[in-house]
Amino acid sequence: MLKLYTEINDLNTIKRKYLVDLLKPLLPKKNFDKYGIKNVELILVTDKDEADYFVLPFSWDFYIDKNNYSGAMALIKKGVK
């Protein structure tokens, strides 16, 4: 089982099309059936120190469209620590 950490302040205010593909089946959990997920091999954790991987929540298109390259870089730096 892989543990993923990501930061999404308020998923309801962001267009789902920007969500990175890896997270789409996991958010919200009701999507498990939609994506045919029976045995969950990926879980989201709330503590970045428990995570195996740090995942940017949104595609690069989101950061480009919102002119928020610095926001993406801040998250990347946080994940490296």
PDB file of N, CA and C in Angstrom:
ATOM      1  N   MET A   1       0.844  -1.175   0.000  1.00  0.00           N
ATOM      2  CA  MET A   1       0.000   0.000   0.000  1.00  0.00           C
ATOM      3  C   MET A   1       0.890   1.239   0.000  1.00  0.00           C
ATOM      4  N   LEU A   2       0.593   2.156  -0.894  1.00  0.00           N
ATOM      5  CA  LEU A   2       1.335   3.413  -0.972  1.00  0.00           C
ATOM      6  C   LEU A   2       0.575   4.514  -0.256  1.00  0.00           C
ATOM      7  N   LYS A   3       1.291   5.258   0.540  1.00  0.00           N
ATOM      8  CA  LYS A   3       0.701   6.380   1.267  1.00  0.00           C
ATOM      9  C   LYS A   3       1.080   7.672   0.560  1.00  0.00           C
ATOM     10  N   LEU A   4       0.066   8.449   0.216  1.00  0.00           N
ATOM     11  CA  LEU A   4       0.272   9.709  -0.488  1.00  0.00           C
ATOM     12  C   LEU A   4      -0.107  10.877   0.402  1.00  0.00           C
ATOM     13  N   TYR A   5       0.650  11.944   0.275  1.00  0.00           N
ATOM     14  CA  TYR A   5       0.320  13.184   0.968  1.00  0.00           C
ATOM     15  C   TYR A   5       0.165  14.274  -0.076  1.00  0.00           C
ATOM     16  N   THR A   6      -0.865  15.074   0.085  1.00  0.00           N
ATOM     17  CA  THR A   6      -1.062  16.233  -0.768  1.00  0.00           C
ATOM     18  C   THR A   6      -1.736  17.316   0.049  1.00  0.00           C
ATOM     19  N   GLU A   7      -1.692  18.525  -0.450  1.00  0.00           N
ATOM     20  CA  GLU A   7      -2.359  19.632   0.232  1.00  0.00           C
ATOM     21  C   GLU A   7      -3.418  20.217  -0.679  1.00  0.00           C
ATOM     22  N   ILE A   8      -4.648  20.102  -0.236  1.00  0.00           N
ATOM     23  CA  ILE A   8      -5.763  20.726  -0.944  1.00  0.00           C
ATOM     24  C   ILE A   8      -6.562  21.477   0.105  1.00  0.00           C
ATOM     25  N   ASN A   9      -6.529  22.786   0.036  1.00  0.00           N
ATOM     26  CA  ASN A   9      -7.221  23.585   1.042  1.00  0.00           C
ATOM     27  C   ASN A   9      -8.725  23.411   0.972  1.00  0.00           C
ATOM     28  N   ASP A  10      -9.303  23.548  -0.201  1.00  0.00           N
ATOM     29  CA  ASP A  10     -10.748  23.397  -0.341  1.00  0.00           C
ATOM     30  C   ASP A  10     -11.059  22.851  -1.725  1.00  0.00           C
ATOM     31  N   LEU A  11     -11.214  21.557  -1.791  1.00  0.00           N
ATOM     32  CA  LEU A  11     -11.458  20.881  -3.063  1.00  0.00           C
ATOM     33  C   LEU A  11     -12.722  21.379  -3.749  1.00  0.00           C
ATOM     34  N   ASN A  12     -13.687  21.827  -2.986  1.00  0.00           N
ATOM     35  CA  ASN A  12     -14.964  22.265  -3.559  1.00  0.00           C
ATOM     36  C   ASN A  12     -14.853  23.558  -4.360  1.00  0.00           C
ATOM     37  N   THR A  13     -13.805  24.327  -4.150  1.00  0.00           N
ATOM     38  CA  THR A  13     -13.678  25.597  -4.866  1.00  0.00           C
ATOM     39  C   THR A  13     -12.822  25.484  -6.128  1.00  0.00           C
ATOM     40  N   ILE A  14     -12.245  24.305  -6.368  1.00  0.00           N
ATOM     41  CA  ILE A  14     -11.368  24.092  -7.517  1.00  0.00           C
ATOM     42  C   ILE A  14     -12.076  23.198  -8.528  1.00  0.00           C
ATOM     43  N   LYS A  15     -11.982  23.549  -9.800  1.00  0.00           N
ATOM     44  CA  LYS A  15     -12.571  22.706 -10.835  1.00  0.00           C
ATOM     45  C   LYS A  15     -11.865  21.355 -10.848  1.00  0.00           C
ATOM     46  N   ARG A  16     -12.665  20.305 -10.839  1.00  0.00           N
ATOM     47  CA  ARG A  16     -12.140  18.946 -10.775  1.00  0.00           C
ATOM     48  C   ARG A  16     -11.207  18.619 -11.942  1.00  0.00           C
ATOM     49  N   LYS A  17     -11.401  19.275 -13.083  1.00  0.00           N
ATOM     50  CA  LYS A  17     -10.562  18.982 -14.253  1.00  0.00           C
ATOM     51  C   LYS A  17      -9.087  19.265 -13.967  1.00  0.00           C
ATOM     52  N   TYR A  18      -8.809  20.111 -13.001  1.00  0.00           N
ATOM     53  CA  TYR A  18      -7.428  20.440 -12.663  1.00  0.00           C
ATOM     54  C   TYR A  18      -6.783  19.430 -11.707  1.00  0.00           C
ATOM     55  N   LEU A  19      -7.596  18.621 -11.057  1.00  0.00           N
ATOM     56  CA  LEU A  19      -7.068  17.647 -10.109  1.00  0.00           C
ATOM     57  C   LEU A  19      -6.164  16.660 -10.847  1.00  0.00           C
ATOM     58  N   VAL A  20      -5.007  16.379 -10.295  1.00  0.00           N
ATOM     59  CA  VAL A  20      -4.072  15.457 -10.938  1.00  0.00           C
ATOM     60  C   VAL A  20      -4.725  14.071 -11.026  1.00  0.00           C
ATOM     61  N   ASP A  21      -4.491  13.377 -12.134  1.00  0.00           N
ATOM     62  CA  ASP A  21      -5.184  12.114 -12.411  1.00  0.00           C
ATOM     63  C   ASP A  21      -5.028  11.077 -11.305  1.00  0.00           C
ATOM     64  N   LEU A  22      -3.894  11.031 -10.675  1.00  0.00           N
ATOM     65  CA  LEU A  22      -3.652  10.058  -9.616  1.00  0.00           C
ATOM     66  C   LEU A  22      -4.627  10.219  -8.450  1.00  0.00           C
ATOM     67  N   LEU A  23      -5.077  11.446  -8.204  1.00  0.00           N
ATOM     68  CA  LEU A  23      -5.953  11.711  -7.060  1.00  0.00           C
ATOM     69  C   LEU A  23      -7.441  11.627  -7.389  1.00  0.00           C
ATOM     70  N   LYS A  24      -7.809  11.717  -8.651  1.00  0.00           N
ATOM     71  CA  LYS A  24      -9.229  11.743  -9.018  1.00  0.00           C
ATOM     72  C   LYS A  24     -10.031  10.577  -8.441  1.00  0.00           C
ATOM     73  N   PRO A  25      -9.523   9.351  -8.509  1.00  0.00           N
ATOM     74  CA  PRO A  25     -10.316   8.257  -7.931  1.00  0.00           C
ATOM     75  C   PRO A  25     -10.399   8.297  -6.409  1.00  0.00           C
ATOM     76  N   LEU A  26      -9.473   8.982  -5.770  1.00  0.00           N
ATOM     77  CA  LEU A  26      -9.418   8.996  -4.306  1.00  0.00           C
ATOM     78  C   LEU A  26     -10.229  10.114  -3.673  1.00  0.00           C
ATOM     79  N   LEU A  27     -10.580  11.116  -4.448  1.00  0.00           N
ATOM     80  CA  LEU A  27     -11.286  12.287  -3.917  1.00  0.00           C
ATOM     81  C   LEU A  27     -12.572  12.557  -4.668  1.00  0.00           C
ATOM     82  N   PRO A  28     -13.696  12.507  -4.094  1.00  0.00           N
ATOM     83  CA  PRO A  28     -13.973  11.937  -2.773  1.00  0.00           C
ATOM     84  C   PRO A  28     -14.045  10.415  -2.851  1.00  0.00           C
ATOM     85  N   LYS A  29     -14.135   9.769  -1.694  1.00  0.00           N
ATOM     86  CA  LYS A  29     -14.130   8.301  -1.644  1.00  0.00           C
ATOM     87  C   LYS A  29     -15.298   7.680  -2.397  1.00  0.00           C
ATOM     88  N   LYS A  30     -16.378   8.421  -2.572  1.00  0.00           N
ATOM     89  CA  LYS A  30     -17.533   7.865  -3.283  1.00  0.00           C
ATOM     90  C   LYS A  30     -17.193   7.531  -4.732  1.00  0.00           C
ATOM     91  N   ASN A  31     -16.067   8.019  -5.230  1.00  0.00           N
ATOM     92  CA  ASN A  31     -15.649   7.731  -6.601  1.00  0.00           C
ATOM     93  C   ASN A  31     -15.036   6.349  -6.763  1.00  0.00           C
ATOM     94  N   PHE A  32     -14.817   5.621  -5.687  1.00  0.00           N
ATOM     95  CA  PHE A  32     -14.225   4.294  -5.798  1.00  0.00           C
ATOM     96  C   PHE A  32     -15.020   3.425  -6.770  1.00  0.00           C
ATOM     97  N   ASP A  33     -16.333   3.400  -6.641  1.00  0.00           N
ATOM     98  CA  ASP A  33     -17.164   2.587  -7.533  1.00  0.00           C
ATOM     99  C   ASP A  33     -17.088   3.092  -8.967  1.00  0.00           C
ATOM    100  N   LYS A  34     -17.109   4.391  -9.142  1.00  0.00           N
ATOM    101  CA  LYS A  34     -17.053   4.994 -10.478  1.00  0.00           C
ATOM    102  C   LYS A  34     -15.803   4.551 -11.230  1.00  0.00           C
ATOM    103  N   TYR A  35     -14.696   4.456 -10.528  1.00  0.00           N
ATOM    104  CA  TYR A  35     -13.426   4.086 -11.146  1.00  0.00           C
ATOM    105  C   TYR A  35     -13.122   2.590 -11.017  1.00  0.00           C
ATOM    106  N   GLY A  36     -14.062   1.824 -10.460  1.00  0.00           N
ATOM    107  CA  GLY A  36     -13.876   0.380 -10.337  1.00  0.00           C
ATOM    108  C   GLY A  36     -12.821  -0.021  -9.317  1.00  0.00           C
ATOM    109  N   ILE A  37     -12.667   0.778  -8.299  1.00  0.00           N
ATOM    110  CA  ILE A  37     -11.655   0.488  -7.280  1.00  0.00           C
ATOM    111  C   ILE A  37     -12.270  -0.407  -6.209  1.00  0.00           C
ATOM    112  N   LYS A  38     -11.695  -1.586  -6.065  1.00  0.00           N
ATOM    113  CA  LYS A  38     -12.172  -2.533  -5.054  1.00  0.00           C
ATOM    114  C   LYS A  38     -11.167  -2.616  -3.900  1.00  0.00           C
ATOM    115  N   ASN A  39      -9.929  -2.883  -4.240  1.00  0.00           N
ATOM    116  CA  ASN A  39      -8.863  -2.956  -3.241  1.00  0.00           C
ATOM    117  C   ASN A  39      -8.023  -1.696  -3.370  1.00  0.00           C
ATOM    118  N   VAL A  40      -8.093  -0.861  -2.391  1.00  0.00           N
ATOM    119  CA  VAL A  40      -7.392   0.417  -2.452  1.00  0.00           C
ATOM    120  C   VAL A  40      -5.910   0.199  -2.158  1.00  0.00           C
ATOM    121  N   GLU A  41      -5.089   0.460  -3.164  1.00  0.00           N
ATOM    122  CA  GLU A  41      -3.640   0.325  -3.015  1.00  0.00           C
ATOM    123  C   GLU A  41      -2.982   1.665  -2.703  1.00  0.00           C
ATOM    124  N   LEU A  42      -3.765   2.737  -2.809  1.00  0.00           N
ATOM    125  CA  LEU A  42      -3.280   4.080  -2.512  1.00  0.00           C
ATOM    126  C   LEU A  42      -4.158   4.677  -1.432  1.00  0.00           C
ATOM    127  N   ILE A  43      -3.549   5.302  -0.455  1.00  0.00           N
ATOM    128  CA  ILE A  43      -4.330   6.013   0.548  1.00  0.00           C
ATOM    129  C   ILE A  43      -3.724   7.395   0.744  1.00  0.00           C
ATOM    130  N   LEU A  44      -4.576   8.320   1.105  1.00  0.00           N
ATOM    131  CA  LEU A  44      -4.119   9.669   1.436  1.00  0.00           C
ATOM    132  C   LEU A  44      -3.895   9.744   2.935  1.00  0.00           C
ATOM    133  N   VAL A  45      -2.778  10.314   3.317  1.00  0.00           N
ATOM    134  CA  VAL A  45      -2.485  10.513   4.736  1.00  0.00           C
ATOM    135  C   VAL A  45      -2.445  12.007   5.022  1.00  0.00           C
ATOM    136  N   THR A  46      -2.740  12.361   6.245  1.00  0.00           N
ATOM    137  CA  THR A  46      -2.777  13.774   6.618  1.00  0.00           C
ATOM    138  C   THR A  46      -1.449  14.277   7.176  1.00  0.00           C
ATOM    139  N   ASP A  47      -0.561  13.362   7.504  1.00  0.00           N
ATOM    140  CA  ASP A  47       0.759  13.731   8.028  1.00  0.00           C
ATOM    141  C   ASP A  47       1.811  13.440   6.961  1.00  0.00           C
ATOM    142  N   LYS A  48       2.473  14.472   6.475  1.00  0.00           N
ATOM    143  CA  LYS A  48       3.438  14.281   5.383  1.00  0.00           C
ATOM    144  C   LYS A  48       4.595  13.374   5.785  1.00  0.00           C
ATOM    145  N   ASP A  49       4.887  13.281   7.080  1.00  0.00           N
ATOM    146  CA  ASP A  49       5.975  12.417   7.533  1.00  0.00           C
ATOM    147  C   ASP A  49       5.629  10.933   7.425  1.00  0.00           C
ATOM    148  N   GLU A  50       4.347  10.611   7.338  1.00  0.00           N
ATOM    149  CA  GLU A  50       3.907   9.222   7.173  1.00  0.00           C
ATOM    150  C   GLU A  50       3.892   8.794   5.711  1.00  0.00           C
ATOM    151  N   ALA A  51       3.967   9.748   4.814  1.00  0.00           N
ATOM    152  CA  ALA A  51       3.759   9.479   3.389  1.00  0.00           C
ATOM    153  C   ALA A  51       4.977   8.850   2.724  1.00  0.00           C
ATOM    154  N   ASP A  52       4.675   8.007   1.736  1.00  0.00           N
ATOM    155  CA  ASP A  52       5.721   7.474   0.867  1.00  0.00           C
ATOM    156  C   ASP A  52       6.034   8.468  -0.247  1.00  0.00           C
ATOM    157  N   TYR A  53       5.005   9.204  -0.658  1.00  0.00           N
ATOM    158  CA  TYR A  53       5.145  10.166  -1.755  1.00  0.00           C
ATOM    159  C   TYR A  53       4.372  11.439  -1.454  1.00  0.00           C
ATOM    160  N   PHE A  54       4.904  12.546  -1.914  1.00  0.00           N
ATOM    161  CA  PHE A  54       4.234  13.843  -1.850  1.00  0.00           C
ATOM    162  C   PHE A  54       3.742  14.136  -3.262  1.00  0.00           C
ATOM    163  N   VAL A  55       2.461  14.437  -3.411  1.00  0.00           N
ATOM    164  CA  VAL A  55       1.856  14.630  -4.733  1.00  0.00           C
ATOM    165  C   VAL A  55       1.309  16.048  -4.851  1.00  0.00           C
ATOM    166  N   LEU A  56       1.697  16.731  -5.919  1.00  0.00           N
ATOM    167  CA  LEU A  56       1.051  18.014  -6.203  1.00  0.00           C
ATOM    168  C   LEU A  56      -0.416  17.731  -6.487  1.00  0.00           C
ATOM    169  N   PRO A  57      -1.331  18.472  -5.889  1.00  0.00           N
ATOM    170  CA  PRO A  57      -2.748  18.158  -6.053  1.00  0.00           C
ATOM    171  C   PRO A  57      -3.304  18.457  -7.441  1.00  0.00           C
ATOM    172  N   PHE A  58      -2.705  19.383  -8.139  1.00  0.00           N
ATOM    173  CA  PHE A  58      -3.275  19.810  -9.414  1.00  0.00           C
ATOM    174  C   PHE A  58      -2.265  19.682 -10.544  1.00  0.00           C
ATOM    175  N   SER A  59      -2.785  19.602 -11.741  1.00  0.00           N
ATOM    176  CA  SER A  59      -1.932  19.509 -12.922  1.00  0.00           C
ATOM    177  C   SER A  59      -1.189  20.825 -13.130  1.00  0.00           C
ATOM    178  N   TRP A  60      -0.154  20.782 -13.945  1.00  0.00           N
ATOM    179  CA  TRP A  60       0.590  22.007 -14.247  1.00  0.00           C
ATOM    180  C   TRP A  60      -0.313  23.043 -14.892  1.00  0.00           C
ATOM    181  N   ASP A  61      -1.316  22.579 -15.656  1.00  0.00           N
ATOM    182  CA  ASP A  61      -2.251  23.515 -16.292  1.00  0.00           C
ATOM    183  C   ASP A  61      -2.916  24.425 -15.262  1.00  0.00           C
ATOM    184  N   PHE A  62      -3.253  23.872 -14.115  1.00  0.00           N
ATOM    185  CA  PHE A  62      -3.873  24.670 -13.058  1.00  0.00           C
ATOM    186  C   PHE A  62      -2.940  25.798 -12.623  1.00  0.00           C
ATOM    187  N   TYR A  63      -1.710  25.450 -12.337  1.00  0.00           N
ATOM    188  CA  TYR A  63      -0.758  26.449 -11.848  1.00  0.00           C
ATOM    189  C   TYR A  63      -0.451  27.496 -12.919  1.00  0.00           C
ATOM    190  N   ILE A  64      -0.425  27.063 -14.177  1.00  0.00           N
ATOM    191  CA  ILE A  64      -0.201  28.003 -15.281  1.00  0.00           C
ATOM    192  C   ILE A  64      -1.422  28.889 -15.480  1.00  0.00           C
ATOM    193  N   ASP A  65      -2.618  28.281 -15.555  1.00  0.00           N
ATOM    194  CA  ASP A  65      -3.855  29.049 -15.764  1.00  0.00           C
ATOM    195  C   ASP A  65      -4.097  30.061 -14.653  1.00  0.00           C
ATOM    196  N   LYS A  66      -3.732  29.695 -13.443  1.00  0.00           N
ATOM    197  CA  LYS A  66      -3.945  30.574 -12.285  1.00  0.00           C
ATOM    198  C   LYS A  66      -2.734  31.466 -12.012  1.00  0.00           C
ATOM    199  N   ASN A  67      -1.735  31.373 -12.888  1.00  0.00           N
ATOM    200  CA  ASN A  67      -0.505  32.154 -12.727  1.00  0.00           C
ATOM    201  C   ASN A  67       0.071  31.955 -11.320  1.00  0.00           C
ATOM    202  N   ASN A  68       0.162  30.680 -10.922  1.00  0.00           N
ATOM    203  CA  ASN A  68       0.571  30.344  -9.564  1.00  0.00           C
ATOM    204  C   ASN A  68       1.760  29.377  -9.559  1.00  0.00           C
ATOM    205  N   TYR A  69       2.727  29.651 -10.392  1.00  0.00           N
ATOM    206  CA  TYR A  69       3.938  28.828 -10.434  1.00  0.00           C
ATOM    207  C   TYR A  69       4.627  28.816  -9.071  1.00  0.00           C
ATOM    208  N   SER A  70       4.646  29.952  -8.411  1.00  0.00           N
ATOM    209  CA  SER A  70       5.308  30.032  -7.100  1.00  0.00           C
ATOM    210  C   SER A  70       4.603  29.147  -6.070  1.00  0.00           C
ATOM    211  N   GLY A  71       3.288  29.020  -6.189  1.00  0.00           N
ATOM    212  CA  GLY A  71       2.545  28.136  -5.289  1.00  0.00           C
ATOM    213  C   GLY A  71       2.940  26.683  -5.487  1.00  0.00           C
ATOM    214  N   ALA A  72       3.100  26.281  -6.740  1.00  0.00           N
ATOM    215  CA  ALA A  72       3.533  24.914  -7.041  1.00  0.00           C
ATOM    216  C   ALA A  72       4.937  24.675  -6.499  1.00  0.00           C
ATOM    217  N   MET A  73       5.819  25.626  -6.703  1.00  0.00           N
ATOM    218  CA  MET A  73       7.194  25.476  -6.230  1.00  0.00           C
ATOM    219  C   MET A  73       7.256  25.417  -4.703  1.00  0.00           C
ATOM    220  N   ALA A  74       6.404  26.176  -4.036  1.00  0.00           N
ATOM    221  CA  ALA A  74       6.366  26.136  -2.571  1.00  0.00           C
ATOM    222  C   ALA A  74       5.949  24.746  -2.084  1.00  0.00           C
ATOM    223  N   LEU A  75       4.962  24.148  -2.755  1.00  0.00           N
ATOM    224  CA  LEU A  75       4.533  22.799  -2.385  1.00  0.00           C
ATOM    225  C   LEU A  75       5.628  21.775  -2.662  1.00  0.00           C
ATOM    226  N   ILE A  76       6.319  21.937  -3.783  1.00  0.00           N
ATOM    227  CA  ILE A  76       7.413  21.020  -4.112  1.00  0.00           C
ATOM    228  C   ILE A  76       8.507  21.103  -3.052  1.00  0.00           C
ATOM    229  N   LYS A  77       8.872  22.308  -2.662  1.00  0.00           N
ATOM    230  CA  LYS A  77       9.908  22.478  -1.635  1.00  0.00           C
ATOM    231  C   LYS A  77       9.472  21.890  -0.301  1.00  0.00           C
ATOM    232  N   LYS A  78       8.198  22.030   0.008  1.00  0.00           N
ATOM    233  CA  LYS A  78       7.674  21.464   1.253  1.00  0.00           C
ATOM    234  C   LYS A  78       7.759  19.939   1.220  1.00  0.00           C
ATOM    235  N   GLY A  79       7.504  19.369   0.051  1.00  0.00           N
ATOM    236  CA  GLY A  79       7.562  17.919  -0.094  1.00  0.00           C
ATOM    237  C   GLY A  79       8.971  17.362  -0.029  1.00  0.00           C
ATOM    238  N   VAL A  80       9.948  18.161  -0.379  1.00  0.00           N
ATOM    239  CA  VAL A  80      11.342  17.716  -0.379  1.00  0.00           C
ATOM    240  C   VAL A  80      11.899  17.633   1.037  1.00  0.00           C
ATOM    241  N   LYS A  81      11.410  18.454   1.923  1.00  0.00           N
ATOM    242  CA  LYS A  81      11.927  18.499   3.306  1.00  0.00           C
ATOM    243  C   LYS A  81      11.638  17.234   4.062  1.00  0.00           C
TER     244      LYS A  81
END
